[in-house]
Amino acid sequence: MNKITEVFDTATDGRAARWEAHRTARYQELLKLARKAVHKLGPQASIQEIATYAHTSKPVYYRYFGDKEGLRQALGALVITDFRQRVIAAGLAKTDEASALHAMVTAYLELAANSPNLYFFVTASPRDTALAGPAADTAQDASAGALNDFFDDVSSLIAERLSKLPAAESSAISLWPRAALGMVRAAGEQWLCLPEGAGKPSLNNLADELTSWLAYGIAGPSN
């Protein structure tokens, strides 16, 4: 029986590997520049404006991301994954339930406040999709998928902490983690849009209030 020997074109393989590495590096560079552009120009920035900021052409961004929605999805997956890691880490760093909740709320607000333009750009998918849970059809939206993963992980951590409290015996308590996250998100987004001034609470004050609302309700802790 003749032995079949497969012959590889090492030159061609090397060129393909170098080209793929170049494309990957260029993709990451364009994504980084888009992040800076949205931070400066706002969530309404067009592909043309983003490309101009990046000192390249609109067709280059179309080649790598398809359109503005494709860019939003790619950038959203990156930014929301960072949110996910940092908010979860903030909660895990605390030993008691109230401190963990406060740390997660604070981390969320800090990340959003660091660049409201970027935050609103990457969370532009419909709210009901982002909060619908794992059953939501997000296969075509990487940023919505990342947002759902973020909410799932934070919800799981909150649910684990809640299991240690007397209130966890309630039959409806399983609904609380997602409801809590929805309130933090809604309040945080309204807060981001408030004009600076005496009527706008500080980040720390808002984190304190939200944590109190979540833990005790609007009436506050009972004496």
N, C-alpha and C. Protein backbone atom coordinates (compact mmCIF):
# COMPACT_ATOMS: atom_id res chain seq x y z
N MET A 1 0.86 -1.19 0.00
CA MET A 1 0.00 0.00 0.00
C MET A 1 0.89 1.24 0.00
N ASN A 2 0.57 2.13 -0.92
CA ASN A 2 1.37 3.34 -0.99
C ASN A 2 1.02 4.27 0.17
N LYS A 3 2.02 4.82 0.76
CA LYS A 3 1.83 5.76 1.85
C LYS A 3 1.58 7.15 1.28
N ILE A 4 0.46 7.75 1.66
CA ILE A 4 0.12 9.08 1.16
C ILE A 4 0.72 10.13 2.07
N THR A 5 1.51 10.97 1.49
CA THR A 5 2.16 12.04 2.26
C THR A 5 1.53 13.37 1.92
N GLU A 6 1.00 14.05 2.94
CA GLU A 6 0.40 15.36 2.72
C GLU A 6 1.49 16.42 2.74
N VAL A 7 1.49 17.23 1.71
CA VAL A 7 2.53 18.25 1.56
C VAL A 7 1.94 19.61 1.92
N PHE A 8 2.58 20.31 2.83
CA PHE A 8 2.15 21.63 3.24
C PHE A 8 3.03 22.68 2.60
N ASP A 9 2.39 23.74 2.14
CA ASP A 9 3.12 24.88 1.59
C ASP A 9 3.41 25.82 2.75
N THR A 10 4.60 25.69 3.30
CA THR A 10 4.93 26.47 4.49
C THR A 10 4.93 27.97 4.21
N ALA A 11 5.31 28.35 2.99
CA ALA A 11 5.33 29.78 2.65
C ALA A 11 3.91 30.35 2.65
N THR A 12 2.99 29.58 2.03
CA THR A 12 1.59 30.03 1.98
C THR A 12 0.98 30.06 3.38
N ASP A 13 1.25 29.00 4.17
CA ASP A 13 0.73 28.96 5.53
C ASP A 13 1.25 30.12 6.36
N GLY A 14 2.51 30.45 6.19
CA GLY A 14 3.11 31.55 6.94
C GLY A 14 2.48 32.87 6.58
N ARG A 15 2.23 33.08 5.28
CA ARG A 15 1.59 34.33 4.85
C ARG A 15 0.18 34.44 5.41
N ALA A 16 -0.55 33.32 5.40
CA ALA A 16 -1.92 33.32 5.92
C ALA A 16 -1.94 33.65 7.41
N ALA A 17 -0.98 33.07 8.15
CA ALA A 17 -0.91 33.33 9.58
C ALA A 17 -0.57 34.79 9.86
N ARG A 18 0.36 35.33 9.07
CA ARG A 18 0.74 36.74 9.26
C ARG A 18 -0.43 37.66 8.91
N TRP A 19 -1.18 37.32 7.87
CA TRP A 19 -2.31 38.14 7.46
C TRP A 19 -3.40 38.11 8.53
N GLU A 20 -3.64 36.92 9.09
CA GLU A 20 -4.65 36.80 10.14
C GLU A 20 -4.24 37.59 11.38
N ALA A 21 -2.96 37.54 11.72
CA ALA A 21 -2.46 38.30 12.87
C ALA A 21 -2.61 39.80 12.62
N HIS A 22 -2.34 40.21 11.37
CA HIS A 22 -2.48 41.62 11.01
C HIS A 22 -3.94 42.06 11.13
N ARG A 23 -4.87 41.24 10.63
CA ARG A 23 -6.29 41.57 10.69
C ARG A 23 -6.78 41.67 12.14
N THR A 24 -6.31 40.75 12.97
CA THR A 24 -6.70 40.76 14.38
C THR A 24 -6.19 42.02 15.07
N ALA A 25 -4.93 42.36 14.81
CA ALA A 25 -4.34 43.56 15.42
C ALA A 25 -5.06 44.82 14.93
N ARG A 26 -5.37 44.86 13.64
CA ARG A 26 -6.06 46.01 13.07
C ARG A 26 -7.48 46.13 13.64
N TYR A 27 -8.15 45.01 13.79
CA TYR A 27 -9.49 44.98 14.38
C TYR A 27 -9.48 45.57 15.79
N GLN A 28 -8.53 45.13 16.60
CA GLN A 28 -8.43 45.62 17.97
C GLN A 28 -8.09 47.10 18.01
N GLU A 29 -7.23 47.53 17.09
CA GLU A 29 -6.85 48.94 17.02
C GLU A 29 -8.05 49.81 16.66
N LEU A 30 -8.83 49.37 15.66
CA LEU A 30 -10.01 50.12 15.24
C LEU A 30 -11.05 50.17 16.36
N LEU A 31 -11.17 49.09 17.10
CA LEU A 31 -12.12 49.04 18.21
C LEU A 31 -11.69 50.01 19.31
N LYS A 32 -10.40 50.04 19.60
CA LYS A 32 -9.87 50.95 20.62
C LYS A 32 -10.10 52.41 20.21
N LEU A 33 -9.86 52.72 18.95
CA LEU A 33 -10.06 54.08 18.46
C LEU A 33 -11.54 54.45 18.47
N ALA A 34 -12.41 53.49 18.14
CA ALA A 34 -13.85 53.75 18.17
C ALA A 34 -14.31 54.04 19.59
N ARG A 35 -13.73 53.33 20.54
CA ARG A 35 -14.08 53.56 21.95
C ARG A 35 -13.74 54.98 22.35
N LYS A 36 -12.57 55.46 21.96
CA LYS A 36 -12.16 56.82 22.27
C LYS A 36 -13.04 57.84 21.55
N ALA A 37 -13.40 57.52 20.29
CA ALA A 37 -14.22 58.43 19.50
C ALA A 37 -15.61 58.60 20.12
N VAL A 38 -16.24 57.49 20.50
CA VAL A 38 -17.57 57.55 21.11
C VAL A 38 -17.52 58.29 22.44
N HIS A 39 -16.47 58.04 23.22
CA HIS A 39 -16.29 58.74 24.50
C HIS A 39 -16.27 60.25 24.28
N LYS A 40 -15.61 60.69 23.23
CA LYS A 40 -15.47 62.12 22.98
C LYS A 40 -16.66 62.71 22.23
N LEU A 41 -17.16 61.99 21.21
CA LEU A 41 -18.16 62.55 20.31
C LEU A 41 -19.60 62.29 20.75
N GLY A 42 -19.82 61.23 21.52
CA GLY A 42 -21.16 60.92 21.97
C GLY A 42 -21.73 59.67 21.32
N PRO A 43 -22.80 59.12 21.91
CA PRO A 43 -23.37 57.87 21.41
C PRO A 43 -24.01 57.99 20.03
N GLN A 44 -24.29 59.22 19.60
CA GLN A 44 -24.89 59.43 18.30
C GLN A 44 -23.85 59.50 17.17
N ALA A 45 -22.58 59.38 17.49
CA ALA A 45 -21.51 59.50 16.49
C ALA A 45 -21.73 58.53 15.33
N SER A 46 -21.55 59.02 14.11
CA SER A 46 -21.72 58.18 12.92
C SER A 46 -20.44 57.42 12.62
N ILE A 47 -20.54 56.44 11.74
CA ILE A 47 -19.35 55.70 11.31
C ILE A 47 -18.35 56.66 10.67
N GLN A 48 -18.85 57.62 9.90
CA GLN A 48 -17.95 58.59 9.26
C GLN A 48 -17.19 59.40 10.30
N GLU A 49 -17.87 59.86 11.34
CA GLU A 49 -17.23 60.64 12.39
C GLU A 49 -16.22 59.81 13.16
N ILE A 50 -16.58 58.55 13.43
CA ILE A 50 -15.67 57.65 14.14
C ILE A 50 -14.43 57.39 13.29
N ALA A 51 -14.63 57.15 11.99
CA ALA A 51 -13.51 56.89 11.08
C ALA A 51 -12.60 58.11 10.98
N THR A 52 -13.20 59.28 10.90
CA THR A 52 -12.41 60.52 10.81
C THR A 52 -11.57 60.69 12.07
N TYR A 53 -12.17 60.44 13.23
CA TYR A 53 -11.43 60.52 14.49
C TYR A 53 -10.26 59.54 14.50
N ALA A 54 -10.47 58.37 13.90
CA ALA A 54 -9.45 57.32 13.87
C ALA A 54 -8.44 57.52 12.74
N HIS A 55 -8.59 58.62 11.98
CA HIS A 55 -7.70 58.93 10.86
C HIS A 55 -7.68 57.79 9.83
N THR A 56 -8.89 57.29 9.54
CA THR A 56 -9.02 56.28 8.49
C THR A 56 -10.30 56.59 7.73
N SER A 57 -10.74 55.65 6.90
CA SER A 57 -11.92 55.89 6.08
C SER A 57 -13.11 55.06 6.55
N LYS A 58 -14.30 55.50 6.18
CA LYS A 58 -15.52 54.78 6.54
C LYS A 58 -15.52 53.35 5.99
N PRO A 59 -15.08 53.13 4.74
CA PRO A 59 -15.06 51.76 4.22
C PRO A 59 -14.21 50.79 5.05
N VAL A 60 -13.17 51.31 5.72
CA VAL A 60 -12.34 50.44 6.56
C VAL A 60 -13.18 49.90 7.71
N TYR A 61 -13.96 50.77 8.35
CA TYR A 61 -14.82 50.30 9.44
C TYR A 61 -15.90 49.36 8.92
N TYR A 62 -16.44 49.65 7.75
CA TYR A 62 -17.43 48.74 7.17
C TYR A 62 -16.82 47.37 6.89
N ARG A 63 -15.56 47.36 6.46
CA ARG A 63 -14.89 46.10 6.13
C ARG A 63 -14.74 45.22 7.36
N TYR A 64 -14.45 45.85 8.49
CA TYR A 64 -14.19 45.07 9.71
C TYR A 64 -15.45 44.81 10.54
N PHE A 65 -16.43 45.72 10.48
CA PHE A 65 -17.58 45.61 11.39
C PHE A 65 -18.93 45.55 10.68
N GLY A 66 -18.95 45.74 9.38
CA GLY A 66 -20.20 45.66 8.63
C GLY A 66 -20.95 46.97 8.57
N ASP A 67 -21.35 47.50 9.72
CA ASP A 67 -22.05 48.77 9.81
C ASP A 67 -21.95 49.28 11.25
N LYS A 68 -22.67 50.36 11.55
CA LYS A 68 -22.59 50.93 12.89
C LYS A 68 -23.12 49.95 13.93
N GLU A 69 -24.15 49.20 13.58
CA GLU A 69 -24.69 48.23 14.53
C GLU A 69 -23.67 47.13 14.82
N GLY A 70 -22.94 46.69 13.80
CA GLY A 70 -21.89 45.69 14.01
C GLY A 70 -20.80 46.22 14.91
N LEU A 71 -20.44 47.49 14.73
CA LEU A 71 -19.44 48.12 15.60
C LEU A 71 -19.97 48.23 17.03
N ARG A 72 -21.23 48.61 17.18
CA ARG A 72 -21.82 48.71 18.51
C ARG A 72 -21.79 47.37 19.23
N GLN A 73 -22.12 46.31 18.51
CA GLN A 73 -22.11 44.98 19.11
C GLN A 73 -20.71 44.57 19.57
N ALA A 74 -19.72 44.82 18.70
CA ALA A 74 -18.34 44.44 19.04
C ALA A 74 -17.83 45.25 20.23
N LEU A 75 -18.09 46.55 20.21
CA LEU A 75 -17.64 47.42 21.30
C LEU A 75 -18.42 47.12 22.57
N GLY A 76 -19.70 46.82 22.41
CA GLY A 76 -20.53 46.50 23.57
C GLY A 76 -20.06 45.25 24.27
N ALA A 77 -19.72 44.22 23.49
CA ALA A 77 -19.24 42.97 24.09
C ALA A 77 -17.98 43.21 24.92
N LEU A 78 -17.11 44.08 24.42
CA LEU A 78 -15.86 44.40 25.11
C LEU A 78 -16.12 45.18 26.40
N VAL A 79 -16.90 46.25 26.30
CA VAL A 79 -17.13 47.13 27.44
C VAL A 79 -17.97 46.44 28.52
N ILE A 80 -19.01 45.73 28.11
CA ILE A 80 -19.90 45.10 29.08
C ILE A 80 -19.20 43.95 29.79
N THR A 81 -18.30 43.27 29.10
CA THR A 81 -17.52 42.23 29.76
C THR A 81 -16.66 42.83 30.87
N ASP A 82 -16.13 44.02 30.64
CA ASP A 82 -15.36 44.72 31.67
C ASP A 82 -16.27 45.08 32.85
N PHE A 83 -17.48 45.57 32.55
CA PHE A 83 -18.47 45.85 33.60
C PHE A 83 -18.69 44.60 34.44
N ARG A 84 -18.93 43.51 33.75
CA ARG A 84 -19.25 42.24 34.41
C ARG A 84 -18.15 41.83 35.39
N GLN A 85 -16.92 41.87 34.94
CA GLN A 85 -15.80 41.45 35.77
C GLN A 85 -15.64 42.34 36.99
N ARG A 86 -15.75 43.65 36.80
CA ARG A 86 -15.49 44.58 37.89
C ARG A 86 -16.63 44.65 38.91
N VAL A 87 -17.87 44.55 38.44
CA VAL A 87 -18.99 44.57 39.38
C VAL A 87 -19.01 43.28 40.20
N ILE A 88 -18.79 42.15 39.55
CA ILE A 88 -18.74 40.87 40.26
C ILE A 88 -17.60 40.88 41.28
N ALA A 89 -16.44 41.37 40.88
CA ALA A 89 -15.29 41.42 41.78
C ALA A 89 -15.59 42.30 42.99
N ALA A 90 -16.29 43.41 42.78
CA ALA A 90 -16.64 44.31 43.88
C ALA A 90 -17.54 43.60 44.89
N GLY A 91 -18.50 42.83 44.39
CA GLY A 91 -19.39 42.10 45.28
C GLY A 91 -18.71 41.00 46.04
N LEU A 92 -17.82 40.28 45.36
CA LEU A 92 -17.12 39.16 46.00
C LEU A 92 -16.12 39.63 47.05
N ALA A 93 -15.69 40.88 46.95
CA ALA A 93 -14.68 41.39 47.88
C ALA A 93 -15.26 41.69 49.26
N LYS A 94 -16.59 41.68 49.38
CA LYS A 94 -17.23 41.99 50.66
C LYS A 94 -17.81 40.72 51.29
N THR A 95 -17.77 40.67 52.60
CA THR A 95 -18.22 39.47 53.29
C THR A 95 -19.69 39.51 53.71
N ASP A 96 -20.22 40.69 54.03
CA ASP A 96 -21.63 40.76 54.44
C ASP A 96 -22.50 41.21 53.28
N GLU A 97 -23.78 40.89 53.33
CA GLU A 97 -24.69 41.09 52.21
C GLU A 97 -24.90 42.56 51.86
N ALA A 98 -25.11 43.40 52.87
CA ALA A 98 -25.36 44.82 52.61
C ALA A 98 -24.14 45.49 51.97
N SER A 99 -22.96 45.16 52.46
CA SER A 99 -21.73 45.75 51.90
C SER A 99 -21.50 45.28 50.47
N ALA A 100 -21.80 44.01 50.20
CA ALA A 100 -21.64 43.47 48.85
C ALA A 100 -22.57 44.18 47.87
N LEU A 101 -23.82 44.37 48.28
CA LEU A 101 -24.79 45.05 47.44
C LEU A 101 -24.36 46.49 47.17
N HIS A 102 -23.91 47.17 48.21
CA HIS A 102 -23.45 48.56 48.06
C HIS A 102 -22.23 48.63 47.14
N ALA A 103 -21.32 47.70 47.26
CA ALA A 103 -20.11 47.69 46.43
C ALA A 103 -20.45 47.47 44.96
N MET A 104 -21.42 46.59 44.68
CA MET A 104 -21.80 46.33 43.29
C MET A 104 -22.52 47.52 42.68
N VAL A 105 -23.41 48.15 43.45
CA VAL A 105 -24.11 49.34 42.97
C VAL A 105 -23.09 50.46 42.69
N THR A 106 -22.15 50.66 43.60
CA THR A 106 -21.13 51.70 43.44
C THR A 106 -20.28 51.44 42.20
N ALA A 107 -19.84 50.19 42.02
CA ALA A 107 -19.01 49.85 40.86
C ALA A 107 -19.76 50.10 39.56
N TYR A 108 -21.02 49.73 39.52
CA TYR A 108 -21.84 49.94 38.32
C TYR A 108 -21.93 51.43 37.98
N LEU A 109 -22.24 52.24 38.98
CA LEU A 109 -22.38 53.68 38.76
C LEU A 109 -21.05 54.31 38.36
N GLU A 110 -19.96 53.87 38.99
CA GLU A 110 -18.64 54.41 38.65
C GLU A 110 -18.28 54.11 37.20
N LEU A 111 -18.52 52.90 36.75
CA LEU A 111 -18.19 52.52 35.39
C LEU A 111 -19.04 53.30 34.38
N ALA A 112 -20.32 53.46 34.67
CA ALA A 112 -21.19 54.22 33.78
C ALA A 112 -20.81 55.70 33.75
N ALA A 113 -20.52 56.25 34.94
CA ALA A 113 -20.18 57.68 35.03
C ALA A 113 -18.82 57.99 34.42
N ASN A 114 -17.96 56.99 34.34
CA ASN A 114 -16.64 57.20 33.75
C ASN A 114 -16.74 57.64 32.30
N SER A 115 -17.76 57.15 31.59
CA SER A 115 -18.01 57.59 30.21
C SER A 115 -19.48 57.36 29.87
N PRO A 116 -20.34 58.32 30.22
CA PRO A 116 -21.76 58.18 29.88
C PRO A 116 -21.98 57.97 28.39
N ASN A 117 -21.20 58.64 27.55
CA ASN A 117 -21.35 58.48 26.10
C ASN A 117 -21.14 57.03 25.68
N LEU A 118 -20.10 56.42 26.19
CA LEU A 118 -19.80 55.04 25.85
C LEU A 118 -20.86 54.11 26.44
N TYR A 119 -21.28 54.39 27.66
CA TYR A 119 -22.30 53.56 28.31
C TYR A 119 -23.57 53.52 27.47
N PHE A 120 -24.07 54.69 27.05
CA PHE A 120 -25.32 54.73 26.30
C PHE A 120 -25.15 54.14 24.90
N PHE A 121 -23.96 54.23 24.35
CA PHE A 121 -23.70 53.64 23.03
C PHE A 121 -23.81 52.12 23.07
N VAL A 122 -23.18 51.51 24.08
CA VAL A 122 -23.12 50.04 24.10
C VAL A 122 -24.35 49.38 24.71
N THR A 123 -25.18 50.16 25.43
CA THR A 123 -26.40 49.58 26.01
C THR A 123 -27.63 50.02 25.23
N ALA A 124 -27.45 50.31 23.96
CA ALA A 124 -28.54 50.85 23.15
C ALA A 124 -29.56 49.81 22.72
N SER A 125 -29.31 48.51 22.98
CA SER A 125 -30.29 47.50 22.62
C SER A 125 -31.51 47.65 23.50
N PRO A 126 -32.68 47.17 23.05
CA PRO A 126 -33.92 47.35 23.82
C PRO A 126 -33.79 46.82 25.24
N ARG A 127 -34.33 47.55 26.20
CA ARG A 127 -34.24 47.18 27.61
C ARG A 127 -34.86 45.81 27.87
N ASP A 128 -36.03 45.52 27.19
CA ASP A 128 -36.68 44.24 27.47
C ASP A 128 -35.84 43.07 27.00
N THR A 129 -35.04 43.25 25.95
CA THR A 129 -34.15 42.19 25.52
C THR A 129 -33.03 41.99 26.53
N ALA A 130 -32.47 43.09 27.02
CA ALA A 130 -31.35 42.99 27.95
C ALA A 130 -31.75 42.40 29.29
N LEU A 131 -33.01 42.57 29.67
CA LEU A 131 -33.44 42.09 30.98
C LEU A 131 -34.28 40.82 30.90
N ALA A 132 -34.44 40.28 29.68
CA ALA A 132 -35.36 39.17 29.50
C ALA A 132 -34.83 37.85 30.03
N GLY A 133 -33.53 37.77 30.26
CA GLY A 133 -32.96 36.52 30.79
C GLY A 133 -32.47 35.62 29.69
N PRO A 134 -32.04 34.42 30.04
CA PRO A 134 -31.41 33.53 29.07
C PRO A 134 -32.32 33.09 27.94
N ALA A 135 -33.64 33.22 28.09
CA ALA A 135 -34.54 32.81 27.02
C ALA A 135 -34.59 33.81 25.88
N ALA A 136 -34.06 35.00 26.08
CA ALA A 136 -34.11 36.03 25.05
C ALA A 136 -33.31 35.60 23.84
N ASP A 137 -33.78 35.98 22.65
CA ASP A 137 -33.10 35.61 21.42
C ASP A 137 -32.06 36.66 21.11
N THR A 138 -30.84 36.46 21.57
CA THR A 138 -29.77 37.45 21.39
C THR A 138 -28.64 36.91 20.53
N ALA A 139 -28.89 35.87 19.78
CA ALA A 139 -27.83 35.23 19.00
C ALA A 139 -27.22 36.19 17.99
N GLN A 140 -28.03 37.16 17.52
CA GLN A 140 -27.53 38.06 16.50
C GLN A 140 -26.97 39.35 17.08
N ASP A 141 -26.91 39.45 18.40
CA ASP A 141 -26.48 40.70 19.02
C ASP A 141 -25.48 40.39 20.13
N ALA A 142 -24.19 40.57 19.81
CA ALA A 142 -23.13 40.23 20.77
C ALA A 142 -23.22 41.09 22.02
N SER A 143 -23.56 42.37 21.87
CA SER A 143 -23.62 43.23 23.04
C SER A 143 -24.80 42.86 23.94
N ALA A 144 -25.94 42.51 23.34
CA ALA A 144 -27.08 42.07 24.15
C ALA A 144 -26.73 40.77 24.86
N GLY A 145 -26.00 39.90 24.19
CA GLY A 145 -25.57 38.65 24.82
C GLY A 145 -24.67 38.91 25.99
N ALA A 146 -23.72 39.83 25.83
CA ALA A 146 -22.82 40.18 26.93
C ALA A 146 -23.60 40.83 28.07
N LEU A 147 -24.60 41.66 27.73
CA LEU A 147 -25.40 42.32 28.75
C LEU A 147 -26.22 41.28 29.53
N ASN A 148 -26.77 40.30 28.83
CA ASN A 148 -27.51 39.24 29.51
C ASN A 148 -26.60 38.42 30.41
N ASP A 149 -25.39 38.11 29.93
CA ASP A 149 -24.43 37.38 30.77
C ASP A 149 -24.12 38.17 32.03
N PHE A 150 -23.96 39.48 31.86
CA PHE A 150 -23.67 40.36 32.98
C PHE A 150 -24.80 40.32 34.01
N PHE A 151 -26.03 40.48 33.54
CA PHE A 151 -27.18 40.45 34.44
C PHE A 151 -27.36 39.08 35.07
N ASP A 152 -27.11 38.02 34.31
CA ASP A 152 -27.23 36.66 34.86
C ASP A 152 -26.26 36.44 36.00
N ASP A 153 -25.00 36.84 35.79
CA ASP A 153 -23.98 36.61 36.81
C ASP A 153 -24.23 37.44 38.06
N VAL A 154 -24.59 38.72 37.87
CA VAL A 154 -24.86 39.57 39.03
C VAL A 154 -26.11 39.07 39.76
N SER A 155 -27.13 38.64 39.00
CA SER A 155 -28.34 38.11 39.62
C SER A 155 -28.03 36.87 40.45
N SER A 156 -27.18 36.01 39.93
CA SER A 156 -26.81 34.79 40.66
C SER A 156 -26.09 35.12 41.96
N LEU A 157 -25.20 36.11 41.89
CA LEU A 157 -24.46 36.50 43.09
C LEU A 157 -25.40 37.10 44.13
N ILE A 158 -26.32 37.95 43.67
CA ILE A 158 -27.29 38.55 44.60
C ILE A 158 -28.18 37.47 45.21
N ALA A 159 -28.64 36.54 44.37
CA ALA A 159 -29.50 35.46 44.86
C ALA A 159 -28.79 34.62 45.92
N GLU A 160 -27.49 34.38 45.69
CA GLU A 160 -26.71 33.61 46.66
C GLU A 160 -26.63 34.34 47.99
N ARG A 161 -26.43 35.66 47.92
CA ARG A 161 -26.36 36.45 49.15
C ARG A 161 -27.72 36.50 49.85
N LEU A 162 -28.79 36.61 49.05
CA LEU A 162 -30.12 36.70 49.62
C LEU A 162 -30.51 35.43 50.37
N SER A 163 -29.98 34.29 49.92
CA SER A 163 -30.35 33.02 50.55
C SER A 163 -29.96 32.98 52.03
N LYS A 164 -29.08 33.90 52.44
CA LYS A 164 -28.63 33.93 53.83
C LYS A 164 -29.49 34.84 54.71
N LEU A 165 -30.47 35.51 54.07
CA LEU A 165 -31.31 36.45 54.82
C LEU A 165 -32.69 35.85 55.08
N PRO A 166 -33.37 36.29 56.15
CA PRO A 166 -34.71 35.78 56.45
C PRO A 166 -35.70 36.00 55.31
N ALA A 167 -35.57 37.12 54.59
CA ALA A 167 -36.49 37.42 53.49
C ALA A 167 -36.43 36.40 52.38
N ALA A 168 -35.36 35.62 52.33
CA ALA A 168 -35.20 34.63 51.27
C ALA A 168 -36.26 33.54 51.34
N GLU A 169 -36.99 33.46 52.45
CA GLU A 169 -38.04 32.46 52.57
C GLU A 169 -39.29 32.82 51.78
N SER A 170 -39.38 34.04 51.31
CA SER A 170 -40.53 34.49 50.51
C SER A 170 -40.59 33.72 49.20
N SER A 171 -41.82 33.38 48.76
CA SER A 171 -41.98 32.63 47.51
C SER A 171 -41.64 33.46 46.29
N ALA A 172 -41.66 34.78 46.42
CA ALA A 172 -41.39 35.66 45.28
C ALA A 172 -39.96 36.18 45.26
N ILE A 173 -39.14 35.74 46.21
CA ILE A 173 -37.80 36.33 46.33
C ILE A 173 -36.93 36.07 45.11
N SER A 174 -37.23 35.01 44.35
CA SER A 174 -36.43 34.70 43.16
C SER A 174 -36.55 35.79 42.10
N LEU A 175 -37.61 36.60 42.19
CA LEU A 175 -37.81 37.69 41.22
C LEU A 175 -37.00 38.93 41.59
N TRP A 176 -36.52 38.99 42.82
CA TRP A 176 -35.90 40.21 43.32
C TRP A 176 -34.59 40.59 42.64
N PRO A 177 -33.65 39.65 42.39
CA PRO A 177 -32.37 40.07 41.81
C PRO A 177 -32.49 40.82 40.50
N ARG A 178 -33.29 40.31 39.56
CA ARG A 178 -33.45 41.02 38.27
C ARG A 178 -34.20 42.33 38.45
N ALA A 179 -35.19 42.33 39.32
CA ALA A 179 -35.92 43.57 39.59
C ALA A 179 -34.99 44.63 40.17
N ALA A 180 -34.12 44.19 41.07
CA ALA A 180 -33.15 45.11 41.69
C ALA A 180 -32.22 45.70 40.64
N LEU A 181 -31.72 44.85 39.75
CA LEU A 181 -30.82 45.32 38.70
C LEU A 181 -31.52 46.29 37.76
N GLY A 182 -32.78 45.99 37.45
CA GLY A 182 -33.54 46.90 36.60
C GLY A 182 -33.69 48.27 37.22
N MET A 183 -33.92 48.32 38.54
CA MET A 183 -34.06 49.59 39.22
C MET A 183 -32.74 50.35 39.25
N VAL A 184 -31.65 49.64 39.52
CA VAL A 184 -30.33 50.30 39.55
C VAL A 184 -30.01 50.87 38.17
N ARG A 185 -30.29 50.10 37.14
CA ARG A 185 -30.01 50.58 35.79
C ARG A 185 -30.86 51.79 35.44
N ALA A 186 -32.17 51.71 35.71
CA ALA A 186 -33.07 52.81 35.37
C ALA A 186 -32.70 54.08 36.14
N ALA A 187 -32.46 53.93 37.44
CA ALA A 187 -32.10 55.10 38.26
C ALA A 187 -30.75 55.67 37.83
N GLY A 188 -29.79 54.77 37.54
CA GLY A 188 -28.47 55.21 37.13
C GLY A 188 -28.51 55.97 35.81
N GLU A 189 -29.32 55.52 34.87
CA GLU A 189 -29.40 56.20 33.58
C GLU A 189 -30.07 57.56 33.70
N GLN A 190 -31.10 57.65 34.54
CA GLN A 190 -31.71 58.96 34.77
C GLN A 190 -30.72 59.90 35.43
N TRP A 191 -29.96 59.37 36.37
CA TRP A 191 -28.94 60.17 37.08
C TRP A 191 -27.87 60.68 36.12
N LEU A 192 -27.43 59.83 35.20
CA LEU A 192 -26.42 60.25 34.23
C LEU A 192 -26.90 61.42 33.37
N CYS A 193 -28.20 61.47 33.13
CA CYS A 193 -28.76 62.51 32.25
C CYS A 193 -29.08 63.81 32.98
N LEU A 194 -29.02 63.79 34.31
CA LEU A 194 -29.31 65.01 35.06
C LEU A 194 -28.19 66.04 34.87
N PRO A 195 -28.54 67.32 34.72
CA PRO A 195 -27.50 68.35 34.62
C PRO A 195 -26.76 68.49 35.95
N GLU A 196 -25.51 68.83 35.85
CA GLU A 196 -24.73 69.02 37.06
C GLU A 196 -25.28 70.20 37.85
N GLY A 197 -25.31 70.06 39.15
CA GLY A 197 -25.83 71.14 40.00
C GLY A 197 -26.22 70.61 41.35
N ALA A 198 -26.78 71.51 42.16
CA ALA A 198 -27.12 71.16 43.53
C ALA A 198 -28.20 70.08 43.60
N GLY A 199 -29.04 69.99 42.56
CA GLY A 199 -30.12 69.02 42.58
C GLY A 199 -29.71 67.61 42.18
N LYS A 200 -28.48 67.44 41.77
CA LYS A 200 -28.02 66.11 41.35
C LYS A 200 -27.23 65.46 42.47
N PRO A 201 -27.67 64.28 42.94
CA PRO A 201 -26.92 63.64 44.03
C PRO A 201 -25.54 63.19 43.56
N SER A 202 -24.62 63.13 44.50
CA SER A 202 -23.30 62.62 44.16
C SER A 202 -23.39 61.12 43.92
N LEU A 203 -22.35 60.57 43.33
CA LEU A 203 -22.32 59.14 43.06
C LEU A 203 -22.45 58.35 44.37
N ASN A 204 -21.72 58.77 45.39
CA ASN A 204 -21.77 58.06 46.67
C ASN A 204 -23.14 58.15 47.32
N ASN A 205 -23.77 59.34 47.23
CA ASN A 205 -25.10 59.49 47.80
C ASN A 205 -26.11 58.61 47.09
N LEU A 206 -26.00 58.56 45.76
CA LEU A 206 -26.92 57.73 44.99
C LEU A 206 -26.71 56.25 45.31
N ALA A 207 -25.47 55.82 45.43
CA ALA A 207 -25.18 54.43 45.78
C ALA A 207 -25.76 54.09 47.15
N ASP A 208 -25.63 55.01 48.10
CA ASP A 208 -26.19 54.79 49.44
C ASP A 208 -27.72 54.66 49.37
N GLU A 209 -28.36 55.58 48.63
CA GLU A 209 -29.82 55.57 48.53
C GLU A 209 -30.32 54.30 47.85
N LEU A 210 -29.71 53.94 46.74
CA LEU A 210 -30.14 52.75 46.01
C LEU A 210 -29.99 51.49 46.86
N THR A 211 -28.89 51.40 47.57
CA THR A 211 -28.67 50.23 48.43
C THR A 211 -29.72 50.17 49.52
N SER A 212 -30.06 51.33 50.09
CA SER A 212 -31.08 51.38 51.13
C SER A 212 -32.45 51.00 50.57
N TRP A 213 -32.78 51.50 49.37
CA TRP A 213 -34.06 51.15 48.75
C TRP A 213 -34.16 49.65 48.50
N LEU A 214 -33.06 49.09 48.01
CA LEU A 214 -33.06 47.67 47.69
C LEU A 214 -33.17 46.80 48.93
N ALA A 215 -32.49 47.22 49.99
CA ALA A 215 -32.44 46.40 51.21
C ALA A 215 -33.66 46.60 52.11
N TYR A 216 -34.19 47.87 52.16
CA TYR A 216 -35.23 48.18 53.16
C TYR A 216 -36.51 48.76 52.55
N GLY A 217 -36.46 49.15 51.27
CA GLY A 217 -37.61 49.82 50.69
C GLY A 217 -37.48 51.32 50.80
N ILE A 218 -38.42 52.04 50.19
CA ILE A 218 -38.34 53.49 50.13
C ILE A 218 -38.48 54.14 51.51
N ALA A 219 -39.12 53.44 52.46
CA ALA A 219 -39.29 53.99 53.81
C ALA A 219 -38.02 53.92 54.63
N GLY A 220 -37.03 53.15 54.19
CA GLY A 220 -35.78 53.05 54.91
C GLY A 220 -35.85 52.01 56.00
N PRO A 221 -34.73 51.75 56.70
CA PRO A 221 -34.70 50.73 57.75
C PRO A 221 -35.59 51.10 58.92
N SER A 222 -36.25 50.12 59.48
CA SER A 222 -37.09 50.37 60.65
C SER A 222 -36.22 50.48 61.89
N ASN A 223 -36.63 51.29 62.80
CA ASN A 223 -35.85 51.50 64.04
C ASN A 223 -36.08 50.34 65.02
